[in-house]
Amino acid sequence: MSTETQHATRITREQLAARIAQDIPEGSYVNLGIGAPTLVADYLPADQEIILHTENGMLGMGPSPEAGRIDPDLINAGKQPVTALPGAAYFHHADSFGMMRGGHLDVCVLGAFQVSQTGDLANWSTGAPGAIPAVGGAMDLAIGAKNVYVMTDLLTKTGESKLVEACTYPLTGVGCVTRVYTDHAVFDVTPDGFAVREAFGDNTIELLAQLTGLELQDAETAGIPEGH
């Protein structure tokens, strides 16, 4: 497949963030991981109560501040400026990790280098020189959250699929991923492997199977319910 065709069938990172925001139920406690997942905060419905948690110690985080309205004391775990909604709470880092490890988060959204068809997540190291030296709080989120959504490009810059039969990078969590949102399609993780929940643009299950090298199901045809 040509690079031009691949590009024509992708959606933007902002569109993907908006798509993820649609799937977060009202009343959820949610952690948005460092990097692209933080964009989801800007697309959450204003008329719904969705409570954002950041592992450096805040519950009730709002969207990115407008230009000129940045408070340097309000940052997320990725050191990006954020806002605090009415009723927001601040607390010790240890209490924050207690929330993460204790199963109190309904959803977390994380990036990924690889996701296996059994739901294993690798998102902290490729083994490259100068890579991040430790997994950090991602492992606590991956295992502690009730639903783990991954936000990532389907392919690496060199064209390899990030959806794989088995991860070759160091794992963040085993069997923890619920759903993978990519620029080509949305995939559910099922006991029988990946199922395509929604394909974007001109993508088809056959084309996605060609890009990933995996056998893929159609979630609708297979009768796999939302939030299976």
Protein backbone atom coordinates (compact mmCIF):
# COMPACT_ATOMS: atom_id res chain seq x y z
CA MET A 1 0.00 0.00 0.00
CA SER A 2 1.36 3.43 -0.88
CA THR A 3 2.10 6.08 1.72
CA GLU A 4 -0.45 8.37 0.03
CA THR A 5 -3.23 5.80 0.42
CA GLN A 6 -2.34 5.25 4.07
CA HIS A 7 -2.46 8.99 4.69
CA ALA A 8 -5.80 9.35 2.90
CA THR A 9 -7.44 6.82 5.23
CA ARG A 10 -6.30 8.36 8.52
CA ILE A 11 -8.00 10.80 10.84
CA THR A 12 -6.17 13.52 12.73
CA ARG A 13 -5.02 13.26 16.32
CA GLU A 14 -7.60 15.87 17.32
CA GLN A 15 -10.39 13.93 15.61
CA LEU A 16 -9.24 10.79 17.39
CA ALA A 17 -9.28 12.59 20.76
CA ALA A 18 -12.85 13.71 20.05
CA ARG A 19 -13.81 10.13 19.15
CA ILE A 20 -12.42 8.82 22.45
CA ALA A 21 -14.27 11.52 24.39
CA GLN A 22 -17.55 10.19 22.95
CA ASP A 23 -16.98 6.82 24.64
CA ILE A 24 -16.35 8.11 28.17
CA PRO A 25 -19.57 7.77 30.20
CA GLU A 26 -20.88 10.63 32.30
CA GLY A 27 -19.83 10.36 35.92
CA SER A 28 -16.55 8.61 35.12
CA TYR A 29 -13.28 9.20 36.93
CA VAL A 30 -10.65 9.38 34.20
CA ASN A 31 -6.87 9.65 33.91
CA LEU A 32 -5.37 10.92 30.66
CA GLY A 33 -1.80 9.74 30.09
CA ILE A 34 1.14 11.88 29.05
CA GLY A 35 1.25 13.01 25.41
CA ALA A 36 -1.59 12.71 22.91
CA PRO A 37 -4.17 11.39 25.44
CA THR A 38 -4.23 14.80 27.15
CA LEU A 39 -6.03 16.15 24.06
CA VAL A 40 -9.15 14.23 25.10
CA ALA A 41 -9.77 16.79 27.87
CA ASP A 42 -10.52 19.45 25.26
CA TYR A 43 -13.35 17.39 23.70
CA LEU A 44 -15.30 16.20 26.75
CA PRO A 45 -18.94 17.39 26.61
CA ALA A 46 -19.40 20.57 28.64
CA ASP A 47 -22.87 19.44 29.79
CA GLN A 48 -21.59 16.20 31.35
CA GLU A 49 -19.70 15.62 34.59
CA ILE A 50 -16.53 13.66 33.84
CA ILE A 51 -13.91 14.01 36.55
CA LEU A 52 -10.29 14.07 35.40
CA HIS A 53 -7.50 12.77 37.62
CA THR A 54 -3.80 13.52 37.23
CA GLU A 55 -1.24 11.35 38.99
CA ASN A 56 0.73 14.32 40.31
CA GLY A 57 -2.15 15.08 42.66
CA MET A 58 -5.34 16.67 41.32
CA LEU A 59 -8.93 15.53 40.88
CA GLY A 60 -11.21 17.80 38.87
CA MET A 61 -8.78 18.89 36.17
CA GLY A 62 -10.24 21.03 33.38
CA PRO A 63 -9.19 21.64 29.77
CA SER A 64 -6.07 23.46 28.63
CA PRO A 65 -6.03 27.13 29.66
CA GLU A 66 -6.55 29.92 27.17
CA ALA A 67 -3.51 31.92 26.11
CA GLY A 68 -2.58 34.42 28.78
CA ARG A 69 -4.51 32.58 31.51
CA ILE A 70 -1.86 30.00 32.50
CA ASP A 71 -1.35 29.33 36.20
CA PRO A 72 2.20 27.92 36.60
CA ASP A 73 1.12 26.02 39.71
CA LEU A 74 -1.51 24.04 37.79
CA ILE A 75 0.12 21.33 35.68
CA ASN A 76 -0.60 17.73 34.76
CA ALA A 77 1.75 14.78 35.02
CA GLY A 78 3.36 15.76 31.72
CA LYS A 79 4.08 19.26 33.10
CA GLN A 80 1.56 20.85 30.73
CA PRO A 81 -0.53 23.76 32.08
CA VAL A 82 -4.12 22.81 32.91
CA THR A 83 -7.16 24.35 34.58
CA ALA A 84 -9.04 23.36 37.73
CA LEU A 85 -12.82 23.06 37.69
CA PRO A 86 -15.01 24.22 40.61
CA GLY A 87 -14.70 21.65 43.40
CA ALA A 88 -11.28 20.39 42.30
CA ALA A 89 -9.12 18.77 44.98
CA TYR A 90 -5.34 18.63 45.46
CA PHE A 91 -3.58 15.86 47.35
CA HIS A 92 -0.30 14.07 48.03
CA HIS A 93 1.34 12.03 45.27
CA ALA A 94 0.99 8.88 47.40
CA ASP A 95 -2.77 9.40 47.74
CA SER A 96 -2.97 9.85 43.98
CA PHE A 97 -1.26 6.51 43.38
CA GLY A 98 -3.55 4.93 45.96
CA MET A 99 -6.49 5.99 43.79
CA MET A 100 -4.81 4.52 40.71
CA ARG A 101 -3.84 1.21 42.30
CA GLY A 102 -7.05 0.83 44.27
CA GLY A 103 -9.37 0.47 41.28
CA HIS A 104 -11.00 3.89 41.72
CA LEU A 105 -10.51 5.08 38.13
CA ASP A 106 -13.14 4.10 35.59
CA VAL A 107 -11.05 4.87 32.50
CA CYS A 108 -7.46 5.69 31.67
CA VAL A 109 -6.23 6.69 28.22
CA LEU A 110 -2.62 5.78 27.47
CA GLY A 111 -0.28 5.89 24.49
CA ALA A 112 1.47 2.76 23.23
CA PHE A 113 4.41 1.43 21.28
CA GLN A 114 2.72 -1.99 20.99
CA VAL A 115 -0.52 -3.70 22.00
CA SER A 116 -0.79 -7.47 21.69
CA GLN A 117 -3.90 -9.30 20.56
CA THR A 118 -4.30 -10.56 24.14
CA GLY A 119 -4.36 -7.01 25.50
CA ASP A 120 -0.75 -6.72 26.72
CA LEU A 121 0.54 -3.14 26.70
CA ALA A 122 4.08 -1.90 25.98
CA ASN A 123 4.28 1.87 26.18
CA TRP A 124 7.42 2.96 28.01
CA SER A 125 10.54 1.71 26.22
CA THR A 126 11.72 0.47 22.85
CA GLY A 127 15.14 -0.34 24.26
CA ALA A 128 16.68 2.48 22.24
CA PRO A 129 19.71 4.32 23.67
CA GLY A 130 18.59 7.24 25.82
CA ALA A 131 15.06 5.85 26.28
CA ILE A 132 13.06 6.55 29.44
CA PRO A 133 14.79 4.54 32.21
CA ALA A 134 11.68 3.30 34.04
CA VAL A 135 8.01 2.50 33.45
CA GLY A 136 6.70 5.10 35.92
CA GLY A 137 3.02 5.41 36.82
CA ALA A 138 1.78 3.88 33.57
CA MET A 139 1.95 0.39 35.11
CA ASP A 140 -0.29 1.48 38.01
CA LEU A 141 -2.82 2.98 35.61
CA ALA A 142 -2.75 0.00 33.25
CA ILE A 143 -3.56 -2.48 36.01
CA GLY A 144 -5.64 -0.26 38.30
CA ALA A 145 -8.13 1.35 35.91
CA LYS A 146 -11.35 -0.50 35.15
CA ASN A 147 -11.06 0.28 31.42
CA VAL A 148 -7.78 0.95 29.62
CA TYR A 149 -8.11 2.81 26.33
CA VAL A 150 -5.03 3.14 24.13
CA MET A 151 -4.62 6.13 21.80
CA THR A 152 -1.97 5.66 19.13
CA ASP A 153 -1.16 5.66 15.43
CA LEU A 154 -1.79 2.25 13.90
CA LEU A 155 1.63 2.22 12.19
CA THR A 156 5.09 3.33 13.20
CA LYS A 157 6.95 5.89 11.11
CA THR A 158 8.60 3.00 9.28
CA GLY A 159 5.28 1.25 8.57
CA GLU A 160 5.20 -1.50 11.20
CA SER A 161 1.93 -2.25 12.96
CA LYS A 162 1.64 -1.30 16.62
CA LEU A 163 -1.00 -4.02 16.96
CA VAL A 164 0.93 -7.26 17.22
CA GLU A 165 0.53 -10.94 17.97
CA ALA A 166 2.90 -10.60 20.94
CA CYS A 167 4.77 -7.56 22.25
CA THR A 168 8.52 -7.47 21.71
CA TYR A 169 9.08 -4.38 23.88
CA PRO A 170 9.10 -4.42 27.71
CA LEU A 171 5.56 -4.73 29.05
CA THR A 172 3.70 -2.09 31.01
CA GLY A 173 0.80 -4.41 31.86
CA VAL A 174 -0.45 -7.89 30.95
CA GLY A 175 -3.92 -8.42 29.48
CA CYS A 176 -5.00 -4.94 30.56
CA VAL A 177 -6.13 -3.14 27.38
CA THR A 178 -9.86 -2.80 26.72
CA ARG A 179 -9.89 -0.87 23.43
CA VAL A 180 -7.36 0.63 21.00
CA TYR A 181 -8.15 3.91 19.21
CA THR A 182 -5.95 4.48 16.17
CA ASP A 183 -5.86 6.91 13.27
CA HIS A 184 -7.20 4.14 11.00
CA ALA A 185 -9.82 2.40 13.16
CA VAL A 186 -11.07 1.53 16.64
CA PHE A 187 -10.29 -2.00 17.84
CA ASP A 188 -11.76 -3.95 20.76
CA VAL A 189 -9.58 -6.50 22.55
CA THR A 190 -11.54 -9.75 22.84
CA PRO A 191 -10.73 -13.33 23.95
CA ASP A 192 -10.40 -14.12 20.23
CA GLY A 193 -8.08 -11.23 19.36
CA PHE A 194 -8.75 -7.81 17.90
CA ALA A 195 -12.21 -6.88 16.64
CA VAL A 196 -12.80 -3.80 14.49
CA ARG A 197 -15.37 -1.59 16.22
CA GLU A 198 -15.21 1.28 13.73
CA ALA A 199 -13.13 1.88 10.59
CA PHE A 200 -12.30 5.42 9.47
CA GLY A 201 -12.32 6.71 5.91
CA ASP A 202 -11.71 4.08 3.25
CA ASN A 203 -10.42 1.48 5.68
CA THR A 204 -11.96 -1.98 5.59
CA ILE A 205 -11.38 -5.03 7.76
CA GLU A 206 -9.48 -6.61 4.88
CA LEU A 207 -7.22 -3.58 4.50
CA LEU A 208 -6.64 -3.35 8.26
CA ALA A 209 -5.76 -7.04 8.36
CA GLN A 210 -3.22 -6.42 5.60
CA LEU A 211 -1.69 -3.46 7.49
CA THR A 212 -1.47 -5.32 10.81
CA GLY A 213 -0.74 -8.83 9.59
CA LEU A 214 -3.38 -10.12 12.02
CA GLU A 215 -6.70 -11.92 11.73
CA LEU A 216 -9.38 -9.40 12.62
CA GLN A 217 -13.04 -9.78 13.49
CA ASP A 218 -15.90 -7.41 12.76
CA ALA A 219 -17.21 -6.46 16.21
CA GLU A 220 -20.72 -5.86 14.92
CA THR A 221 -20.94 -9.05 12.85
CA ALA A 222 -19.49 -11.10 15.72
CA GLY A 223 -22.08 -9.63 18.08
CA ILE A 224 -19.49 -8.22 20.48
CA PRO A 225 -21.32 -5.70 22.69
CA GLU A 226 -20.01 -2.26 23.59
CA GLY A 227 -17.95 -2.49 26.77
CA HIS A 228 -17.87 -6.30 26.42
